[in-house]
Amino acid sequence: MSGPHDRFVRYTFGHPERAAAELRAVLPAHLVSEMDWTSLRTESGSVVDPELRATESDLLLTARLRSGHPLLLYVLLEHQSTRPGG
């Protein structure tokens, strides 16, 4: 069973519209402007070791650049449940 962090990440990035909004906020501006956001798709699968799934989530997304070239986006998130230094 997935933990709450994994469910949150999959909810946020599991739909192209929500994933696009988050990715636009964190990717470099030159990449954001070159992406065809209508082509963004979430792919199935995970490469995170089952023992690490309580603390890490990953997603693979595909898209195309405006030039037509394919693009793979691998998102790996590490969950921290304690405050740094605390």
Protein backbone atom coordinates (compact mmCIF):
# COMPACT_ATOMS: atom_id res chain seq x y z
CA MET A 1 0.00 0.00 0.00
CA SER A 2 1.23 3.49 -0.78
CA GLY A 3 1.95 5.97 1.98
CA PRO A 4 0.37 9.43 2.24
CA HIS A 5 3.37 11.10 0.62
CA ASP A 6 3.25 8.82 -2.39
CA ARG A 7 -0.49 9.33 -2.80
CA PHE A 8 0.00 13.13 -2.65
CA VAL A 9 2.73 13.06 -5.31
CA ARG A 10 0.73 10.78 -7.58
CA TYR A 11 -2.36 12.97 -7.18
CA THR A 12 -0.39 16.13 -7.95
CA PHE A 13 1.62 14.74 -10.85
CA GLY A 14 -0.80 12.04 -11.96
CA HIS A 15 -2.86 14.35 -14.17
CA PRO A 16 -1.13 16.30 -16.92
CA GLU A 17 -2.81 19.62 -16.06
CA ARG A 18 -1.65 19.52 -12.43
CA ALA A 19 1.78 18.16 -13.35
CA ALA A 20 2.26 20.94 -15.90
CA ALA A 21 1.48 23.61 -13.33
CA GLU A 22 4.04 22.21 -10.89
CA LEU A 23 6.70 21.63 -13.53
CA ARG A 24 6.33 25.16 -14.93
CA ALA A 25 7.11 26.46 -11.44
CA VAL A 26 10.36 24.51 -11.02
CA LEU A 27 11.88 23.90 -14.47
CA PRO A 28 14.26 26.39 -16.07
CA ALA A 29 12.45 29.12 -18.02
CA HIS A 30 14.09 28.19 -21.33
CA LEU A 31 12.75 24.63 -21.04
CA VAL A 32 9.29 25.81 -19.97
CA SER A 33 9.07 28.02 -23.05
CA GLU A 34 10.21 25.22 -25.39
CA MET A 35 7.79 22.54 -24.17
CA ASP A 36 4.55 21.63 -25.88
CA TRP A 37 2.52 21.36 -22.66
CA THR A 38 -0.45 19.81 -24.46
CA SER A 39 1.69 16.73 -25.15
CA LEU A 40 2.51 16.04 -21.47
CA ARG A 41 1.60 12.49 -20.41
CA THR A 42 2.18 10.47 -17.25
CA GLU A 43 3.71 7.04 -17.90
CA SER A 44 3.33 4.00 -15.67
CA GLY A 45 6.09 2.38 -13.64
CA SER A 46 8.55 3.11 -10.88
CA VAL A 47 12.25 2.45 -10.39
CA VAL A 48 12.35 3.25 -6.68
CA ASP A 49 13.39 0.24 -4.61
CA PRO A 50 10.39 -1.13 -2.66
CA GLU A 51 12.30 -0.59 0.60
CA LEU A 52 12.57 3.15 -0.13
CA ARG A 53 8.98 3.77 -1.23
CA ALA A 54 8.01 5.03 2.23
CA THR A 55 10.43 7.95 1.76
CA GLU A 56 10.71 8.37 -2.02
CA SER A 57 8.31 8.65 -4.95
CA ASP A 58 9.08 8.74 -8.62
CA LEU A 59 7.20 9.45 -11.81
CA LEU A 60 8.01 9.32 -15.49
CA LEU A 61 6.39 11.84 -17.79
CA THR A 62 6.71 12.23 -21.54
CA ALA A 63 6.22 15.31 -23.67
CA ARG A 64 7.41 16.93 -26.85
CA LEU A 65 9.36 20.07 -27.37
CA ARG A 66 7.86 22.66 -29.72
CA SER A 67 10.44 21.46 -32.26
CA GLY A 68 8.80 18.01 -32.16
CA HIS A 69 11.63 16.27 -30.33
CA PRO A 70 10.50 13.82 -27.62
CA LEU A 71 11.25 14.59 -24.00
CA LEU A 72 11.37 12.33 -20.94
CA LEU A 73 10.94 13.87 -17.51
CA TYR A 74 11.86 11.75 -14.50
CA VAL A 75 10.63 13.17 -11.19
CA LEU A 76 12.14 11.79 -7.99
CA LEU A 77 10.94 13.19 -4.70
CA GLU A 78 12.31 12.41 -1.27
CA HIS A 79 9.92 12.87 1.61
CA GLN A 80 11.22 14.36 4.83
CA SER A 81 8.96 13.91 7.81
CA THR A 82 11.12 15.75 10.33
CA ARG A 83 12.31 19.33 10.38
CA PRO A 84 15.95 19.81 9.36
CA GLY A 85 18.13 20.09 12.44
CA GLY A 86 15.22 19.10 14.67
